C-alpha atoms as a PDB file:
ATOM      1  CA  MET A   1      -1.704 -60.957 -47.064  1.00  0.00           C
ATOM      2  CA  THR A   2       0.092 -59.737 -43.905  1.00  0.00           C
ATOM      3  CA  GLU A   3       4.087 -60.432 -43.200  1.00  0.00           C
ATOM      4  CA  LEU A   4       2.799 -62.280 -40.392  1.00  0.00           C
ATOM      5  CA  GLU A   5       0.220 -64.167 -42.355  1.00  0.00           C
ATOM      6  CA  ARG A   6       2.847 -65.436 -45.133  1.00  0.00           C
ATOM      7  CA  LEU A   7       5.621 -65.895 -42.332  1.00  0.00           C
ATOM      8  CA  GLU A   8       2.757 -68.638 -40.549  1.00  0.00           C
ATOM      9  CA  ALA A   9       1.949 -70.056 -44.027  1.00  0.00           C
ATOM     10  CA  THR A  10       5.386 -70.739 -45.053  1.00  0.00           C
ATOM     11  CA  ARG A  11       6.391 -72.201 -41.797  1.00  0.00           C
ATOM     12  CA  GLU A  12       3.796 -74.660 -42.547  1.00  0.00           C
ATOM     13  CA  ARG A  13       4.902 -75.610 -45.493  1.00  0.00           C
ATOM     14  CA  VAL A  14       8.444 -75.878 -44.021  1.00  0.00           C
ATOM     15  CA  GLU A  15       6.758 -78.042 -41.402  1.00  0.00           C
ATOM     16  CA  GLN A  16       5.907 -80.603 -43.908  1.00  0.00           C
ATOM     17  CA  ILE A  17       9.264 -80.967 -45.025  1.00  0.00           C
ATOM     18  CA  VAL A  18      10.147 -81.982 -41.485  1.00  0.00           C
ATOM     19  CA  ARG A  19       7.951 -84.859 -41.376  1.00  0.00           C
ATOM     20  CA  THR A  20       8.262 -86.406 -44.562  1.00  0.00           C
ATOM     21  CA  GLU A  21      11.042 -88.769 -45.122  1.00  0.00           C
ATOM     22  CA  HIS A  22      14.121 -88.299 -47.794  1.00  0.00           C
ATOM     23  CA  TYR A  23      15.910 -90.789 -49.599  1.00  0.00           C
ATOM     24  CA  LEU A  24      19.385 -90.033 -50.913  1.00  0.00           C
ATOM     25  CA  LEU A  25      19.031 -89.745 -54.865  1.00  0.00           C
ATOM     26  CA  HIS A  26      21.981 -90.706 -57.535  1.00  0.00           C
ATOM     27  CA  GLU A  27      20.804 -89.802 -60.877  1.00  0.00           C
ATOM     28  CA  GLY A  28      16.853 -89.349 -59.730  1.00  0.00           C
ATOM     29  CA  GLN A  29      17.067 -92.970 -58.407  1.00  0.00           C
ATOM     30  CA  PRO A  30      17.098 -93.399 -54.275  1.00  0.00           C
ATOM     31  CA  VAL A  31      20.452 -95.096 -53.280  1.00  0.00           C
ATOM     32  CA  ARG A  32      19.983 -98.076 -51.837  1.00  0.00           C
ATOM     33  CA  ASP A  33      21.907 -99.982 -48.661  1.00  0.00           C
ATOM     34  CA  PRO A  34      23.964-102.889 -49.954  1.00  0.00           C
ATOM     35  CA  ASP A  35      23.071-104.965 -47.244  1.00  0.00           C
ATOM     36  CA  THR A  36      19.328-104.517 -46.770  1.00  0.00           C
ATOM     37  CA  GLY A  37      18.522-103.017 -49.965  1.00  0.00           C
ATOM     38  CA  GLU A  38      16.583-100.601 -47.982  1.00  0.00           C
ATOM     39  CA  PRO A  39      16.303 -96.744 -49.660  1.00  0.00           C
ATOM     40  CA  VAL A  40      18.863 -94.789 -47.462  1.00  0.00           C
ATOM     41  CA  THR A  41      17.293 -91.806 -45.847  1.00  0.00           C
ATOM     42  CA  ASP A  42      18.804 -88.144 -46.375  1.00  0.00           C
ATOM     43  CA  GLY A  43      18.570 -86.054 -43.005  1.00  0.00           C
ATOM     44  CA  ALA A  44      19.530 -82.762 -44.550  1.00  0.00           C
ATOM     45  CA  PRO A  45      16.232 -81.892 -46.162  1.00  0.00           C
ATOM     46  CA  ARG A  46      14.992 -81.829 -42.501  1.00  0.00           C
ATOM     47  CA  LEU A  47      18.023 -80.649 -40.884  1.00  0.00           C
ATOM     48  CA  ALA A  48      17.919 -77.421 -43.241  1.00  0.00           C
ATOM     49  CA  ALA A  49      13.723 -77.333 -43.322  1.00  0.00           C
ATOM     50  CA  MET A  50      14.181 -77.135 -39.130  1.00  0.00           C
ATOM     51  CA  ASP A  51      17.152 -74.330 -39.065  1.00  0.00           C
ATOM     52  CA  LEU A  52      14.488 -72.341 -41.858  1.00  0.00           C
ATOM     53  CA  ALA A  53      11.787 -72.771 -39.105  1.00  0.00           C
ATOM     54  CA  LEU A  54      13.412 -71.266 -36.332  1.00  0.00           C
ATOM     55  CA  GLU A  55      14.342 -68.746 -38.004  1.00  0.00           C
ATOM     56  CA  ILE A  56      10.611 -68.001 -39.399  1.00  0.00           C
ATOM     57  CA  THR A  57       9.771 -68.454 -35.930  1.00  0.00           C
ATOM     58  CA  ASP A  58      11.631 -65.818 -34.656  1.00  0.00           C
ATOM     59  CA  ALA A  59      10.500 -63.232 -37.005  1.00  0.00           C
ATOM     60  CA  ILE A  60       7.068 -64.436 -35.881  1.00  0.00           C
ATOM     61  CA  TRP A  61       8.081 -63.765 -32.344  1.00  0.00           C
ATOM     62  CA  ARG A  62       9.327 -60.431 -33.247  1.00  0.00           C
ATOM     63  CA  LEU A  63       6.260 -59.031 -35.579  1.00  0.00           C
ATOM     64  CA  ASN A  64       4.091 -59.704 -32.279  1.00  0.00           C
ATOM     65  CA  GLY A  65       6.639 -58.076 -30.150  1.00  0.00           C
ATOM     66  CA  ILE A  66       8.769 -60.931 -28.582  1.00  0.00           C
ATOM     67  CA  GLN A  67      12.272 -60.121 -28.927  1.00  0.00           C
ATOM     68  CA  GLY A  68      14.504 -63.172 -30.383  1.00  0.00           C
ATOM     69  CA  ALA A  69      17.913 -63.069 -31.111  1.00  0.00           C
ATOM     70  CA  GLY A  70      19.786 -61.967 -34.526  1.00  0.00           C
ATOM     71  CA  PRO A  71      18.719 -60.966 -37.858  1.00  0.00           C
ATOM     72  CA  VAL A  72      15.214 -61.429 -38.817  1.00  0.00           C
ATOM     73  CA  ILE A  73      14.120 -63.063 -41.769  1.00  0.00           C
ATOM     74  CA  THR A  74      11.636 -61.832 -44.137  1.00  0.00           C
ATOM     75  CA  ALA A  75       8.788 -63.254 -46.171  1.00  0.00           C
ATOM     76  CA  ASP A  76      10.046 -62.710 -49.063  1.00  0.00           C
ATOM     77  CA  GLU A  77      13.431 -64.446 -48.006  1.00  0.00           C
ATOM     78  CA  ALA A  78      12.061 -67.464 -46.336  1.00  0.00           C
ATOM     79  CA  GLU A  79       9.552 -68.082 -49.383  1.00  0.00           C
ATOM     80  CA  SER A  80      12.650 -67.819 -51.581  1.00  0.00           C
ATOM     81  CA  ARG A  81      14.474 -70.613 -49.296  1.00  0.00           C
ATOM     82  CA  LEU A  82      11.392 -72.543 -48.807  1.00  0.00           C
ATOM     83  CA  ARG A  83      11.315 -73.179 -52.824  1.00  0.00           C
ATOM     84  CA  GLY A  84      15.142 -74.272 -52.700  1.00  0.00           C
ATOM     85  CA  LEU A  85      14.185 -76.992 -49.691  1.00  0.00           C
ATOM     86  CA  GLU A  86      11.271 -78.153 -52.164  1.00  0.00           C
ATOM     87  CA  GLN A  87      13.081 -78.238 -55.197  1.00  0.00           C
ATOM     88  CA  ARG A  88      15.959 -80.100 -53.673  1.00  0.00           C
ATOM     89  CA  ALA A  89      13.476 -82.602 -51.307  1.00  0.00           C
ATOM     90  CA  ALA A  90      11.922 -83.351 -54.262  1.00  0.00           C
ATOM     91  CA  GLY A  91      15.286 -84.466 -56.289  1.00  0.00           C
ATOM     92  CA  GLY A  92      16.257 -81.444 -57.951  1.00  0.00           C
ATOM     93  CA  SER A  93      19.808 -79.376 -57.440  1.00  0.00           C
END
């Protein structure tokens, strides 16, 4: 798999995190709003995934000859950060 293909595959997985609803957890259980009893949403995984998606997109543009700004993320780094995001989104540390 080429660097470009790896980055595109990783970006697709990152976008799944962006599209998924995430909830605050305490000791593995959803935190509930005291007034409504509904689970409290957690925007942090989505924001972190959006940031990673932007970096990956910039790297893809550069590989396709479109100049971006700032340092370029590698597929290895993107995949590593994605694993961390997936772990946090699943309620891990």
